[in-house]
Amino acid sequence: MNPRIRKLIGTFAMFALVICWALVAMAVAQFPPIFNNPWVSALYYVVAGIGWVLPAMPLVKWMLKDSVRSH
């Protein structure tokens, strides 16, 4: 696959991942055990805020797969 097309597809996939992750994180944050305790809420938002990076890493690797060899 052409590296430019791969990066374009990866960009849209990353955008969709971040939007879905944020919507799910906001929905889960409304559960009473998280919502009622400020310390649990803060910890949850830290974990949810950093957590999207784990599923994004394979996507970024895929986007850059042939990019290094072509230059």
N, C-alpha and C. Protein backbone atom coordinates (compact mmCIF):
# COMPACT_ATOMS: atom_id res chain seq x y z
N MET A 1 0.85 -1.18 0.00
CA MET A 1 0.00 0.00 0.00
C MET A 1 0.90 1.24 0.00
N ASN A 2 0.46 2.25 -0.69
CA ASN A 2 1.18 3.52 -0.76
C ASN A 2 1.27 4.15 0.64
N PRO A 3 2.46 4.60 1.08
CA PRO A 3 2.58 5.19 2.42
C PRO A 3 1.67 6.40 2.65
N ARG A 4 1.42 7.18 1.61
CA ARG A 4 0.54 8.35 1.78
C ARG A 4 -0.90 7.92 2.05
N ILE A 5 -1.35 6.89 1.35
CA ILE A 5 -2.71 6.38 1.57
C ILE A 5 -2.81 5.77 2.96
N ARG A 6 -1.77 5.04 3.35
CA ARG A 6 -1.75 4.42 4.68
C ARG A 6 -1.85 5.48 5.77
N LYS A 7 -1.11 6.57 5.62
CA LYS A 7 -1.16 7.65 6.61
C LYS A 7 -2.52 8.34 6.63
N LEU A 8 -3.13 8.49 5.46
CA LEU A 8 -4.46 9.09 5.40
C LEU A 8 -5.49 8.22 6.12
N ILE A 9 -5.47 6.93 5.83
CA ILE A 9 -6.38 5.99 6.49
C ILE A 9 -6.12 5.97 7.99
N GLY A 10 -4.85 5.94 8.37
CA GLY A 10 -4.49 5.93 9.79
C GLY A 10 -4.92 7.19 10.51
N THR A 11 -4.85 8.32 9.82
CA THR A 11 -5.28 9.58 10.43
C THR A 11 -6.77 9.56 10.74
N PHE A 12 -7.57 9.10 9.78
CA PHE A 12 -9.01 9.01 10.03
C PHE A 12 -9.33 7.97 11.10
N ALA A 13 -8.60 6.86 11.11
CA ALA A 13 -8.81 5.85 12.14
C ALA A 13 -8.44 6.38 13.52
N MET A 14 -7.36 7.14 13.60
CA MET A 14 -6.94 7.74 14.88
C MET A 14 -7.99 8.74 15.37
N PHE A 15 -8.51 9.52 14.45
CA PHE A 15 -9.55 10.50 14.79
C PHE A 15 -10.78 9.78 15.34
N ALA A 16 -11.20 8.71 14.68
CA ALA A 16 -12.36 7.94 15.15
C ALA A 16 -12.08 7.29 16.51
N LEU A 17 -10.86 6.78 16.69
CA LEU A 17 -10.49 6.16 17.97
C LEU A 17 -10.58 7.17 19.11
N VAL A 18 -10.04 8.35 18.91
CA VAL A 18 -10.03 9.36 19.98
C VAL A 18 -11.46 9.81 20.29
N ILE A 19 -12.29 10.00 19.28
CA ILE A 19 -13.67 10.41 19.52
C ILE A 19 -14.43 9.33 20.28
N CYS A 20 -14.33 8.09 19.83
CA CYS A 20 -15.03 6.99 20.53
C CYS A 20 -14.51 6.82 21.95
N TRP A 21 -13.19 6.91 22.11
CA TRP A 21 -12.60 6.77 23.44
C TRP A 21 -13.13 7.84 24.38
N ALA A 22 -13.20 9.08 23.91
CA ALA A 22 -13.67 10.18 24.75
C ALA A 22 -15.14 9.99 25.12
N LEU A 23 -15.96 9.58 24.17
CA LEU A 23 -17.38 9.38 24.46
C LEU A 23 -17.60 8.26 25.47
N VAL A 24 -16.89 7.16 25.30
CA VAL A 24 -17.02 6.05 26.25
C VAL A 24 -16.49 6.46 27.62
N ALA A 25 -15.38 7.17 27.66
CA ALA A 25 -14.81 7.62 28.94
C ALA A 25 -15.77 8.55 29.67
N MET A 26 -16.43 9.44 28.94
CA MET A 26 -17.40 10.34 29.58
C MET A 26 -18.61 9.58 30.09
N ALA A 27 -19.05 8.57 29.35
CA ALA A 27 -20.20 7.79 29.79
C ALA A 27 -19.87 6.98 31.04
N VAL A 28 -18.70 6.36 31.06
CA VAL A 28 -18.29 5.55 32.22
C VAL A 28 -18.09 6.44 33.44
N ALA A 29 -17.64 7.67 33.24
CA ALA A 29 -17.38 8.59 34.36
C ALA A 29 -18.65 8.97 35.10
N GLN A 30 -19.80 8.72 34.52
CA GLN A 30 -21.06 9.08 35.17
C GLN A 30 -21.57 8.02 36.15
N PHE A 31 -20.91 6.86 36.21
CA PHE A 31 -21.32 5.84 37.16
C PHE A 31 -21.08 6.34 38.58
N PRO A 32 -21.99 6.07 39.51
CA PRO A 32 -21.89 6.61 40.87
C PRO A 32 -20.57 6.34 41.60
N PRO A 33 -19.98 5.15 41.52
CA PRO A 33 -18.71 4.97 42.26
C PRO A 33 -17.61 5.92 41.79
N ILE A 34 -17.63 6.29 40.54
CA ILE A 34 -16.61 7.21 40.02
C ILE A 34 -17.04 8.65 40.24
N PHE A 35 -18.30 8.94 39.98
CA PHE A 35 -18.81 10.31 40.01
C PHE A 35 -18.85 10.88 41.43
N ASN A 36 -19.14 10.06 42.43
CA ASN A 36 -19.35 10.56 43.79
C ASN A 36 -18.06 10.79 44.57
N ASN A 37 -16.97 10.17 44.19
CA ASN A 37 -15.72 10.30 44.92
C ASN A 37 -14.72 11.11 44.09
N PRO A 38 -14.30 12.27 44.58
CA PRO A 38 -13.39 13.10 43.76
C PRO A 38 -12.02 12.46 43.51
N TRP A 39 -11.52 11.67 44.46
CA TRP A 39 -10.21 11.03 44.26
C TRP A 39 -10.30 9.93 43.21
N VAL A 40 -11.35 9.15 43.29
CA VAL A 40 -11.55 8.09 42.28
C VAL A 40 -11.79 8.72 40.91
N SER A 41 -12.54 9.81 40.91
CA SER A 41 -12.80 10.52 39.66
C SER A 41 -11.51 11.05 39.03
N ALA A 42 -10.67 11.65 39.84
CA ALA A 42 -9.40 12.18 39.33
C ALA A 42 -8.51 11.06 38.80
N LEU A 43 -8.42 9.96 39.54
CA LEU A 43 -7.63 8.82 39.09
C LEU A 43 -8.19 8.24 37.79
N TYR A 44 -9.50 8.15 37.72
CA TYR A 44 -10.14 7.63 36.51
C TYR A 44 -9.80 8.50 35.30
N TYR A 45 -9.89 9.81 35.44
CA TYR A 45 -9.62 10.69 34.31
C TYR A 45 -8.16 10.65 33.89
N VAL A 46 -7.26 10.45 34.83
CA VAL A 46 -5.84 10.29 34.47
C VAL A 46 -5.65 9.01 33.66
N VAL A 47 -6.21 7.92 34.14
CA VAL A 47 -6.07 6.64 33.43
C VAL A 47 -6.78 6.69 32.08
N ALA A 48 -7.99 7.23 32.04
CA ALA A 48 -8.72 7.31 30.78
C ALA A 48 -8.05 8.27 29.80
N GLY A 49 -7.45 9.32 30.32
CA GLY A 49 -6.78 10.28 29.46
C GLY A 49 -5.52 9.75 28.82
N ILE A 50 -4.82 8.88 29.52
CA ILE A 50 -3.59 8.30 28.98
C ILE A 50 -3.88 6.97 28.27
N GLY A 51 -4.98 6.35 28.60
CA GLY A 51 -5.28 5.01 28.10
C GLY A 51 -5.47 4.88 26.61
N TRP A 52 -5.85 5.95 25.92
CA TRP A 52 -6.07 5.85 24.48
C TRP A 52 -4.77 5.63 23.72
N VAL A 53 -3.64 5.89 24.36
CA VAL A 53 -2.35 5.74 23.68
C VAL A 53 -2.07 4.26 23.38
N LEU A 54 -2.47 3.36 24.27
CA LEU A 54 -2.19 1.94 24.06
C LEU A 54 -2.81 1.39 22.78
N PRO A 55 -4.10 1.62 22.51
CA PRO A 55 -4.62 1.14 21.23
C PRO A 55 -4.12 1.94 20.03
N ALA A 56 -3.62 3.14 20.25
CA ALA A 56 -3.14 3.96 19.14
C ALA A 56 -1.74 3.56 18.68
N MET A 57 -0.95 2.97 19.55
CA MET A 57 0.43 2.62 19.20
C MET A 57 0.52 1.64 18.02
N PRO A 58 -0.26 0.55 17.98
CA PRO A 58 -0.19 -0.32 16.80
C PRO A 58 -0.64 0.40 15.52
N LEU A 59 -1.58 1.30 15.65
CA LEU A 59 -2.04 2.05 14.49
C LEU A 59 -0.93 2.95 13.95
N VAL A 60 -0.21 3.61 14.83
CA VAL A 60 0.91 4.46 14.40
C VAL A 60 2.02 3.61 13.78
N LYS A 61 2.30 2.45 14.36
CA LYS A 61 3.30 1.55 13.77
C LYS A 61 2.89 1.14 12.36
N TRP A 62 1.61 0.83 12.18
CA TRP A 62 1.12 0.45 10.86
C TRP A 62 1.24 1.61 9.88
N MET A 63 0.94 2.81 10.35
CA MET A 63 1.03 3.98 9.48
C MET A 63 2.46 4.23 9.01
N LEU A 64 3.44 3.95 9.85
CA LEU A 64 4.83 4.24 9.54
C LEU A 64 5.60 3.02 9.01
N LYS A 65 4.91 1.95 8.72
CA LYS A 65 5.55 0.68 8.37
C LYS A 65 6.55 0.80 7.21
N ASP A 66 6.15 1.33 6.08
CA ASP A 66 7.05 1.42 4.93
C ASP A 66 7.63 2.81 4.76
N SER A 67 7.28 3.72 5.61
CA SER A 67 7.72 5.10 5.49
C SER A 67 9.22 5.24 5.69
N VAL A 68 9.80 4.47 6.60
CA VAL A 68 11.23 4.58 6.90
C VAL A 68 12.06 4.02 5.74
N ARG A 69 11.61 2.94 5.15
CA ARG A 69 12.36 2.32 4.06
C ARG A 69 12.30 3.12 2.77
N SER A 70 11.26 3.89 2.56
CA SER A 70 11.11 4.59 1.29
C SER A 70 11.94 5.86 1.20
N HIS A 71 12.50 6.34 2.33
CA HIS A 71 13.30 7.58 2.29
C HIS A 71 14.76 7.30 2.24
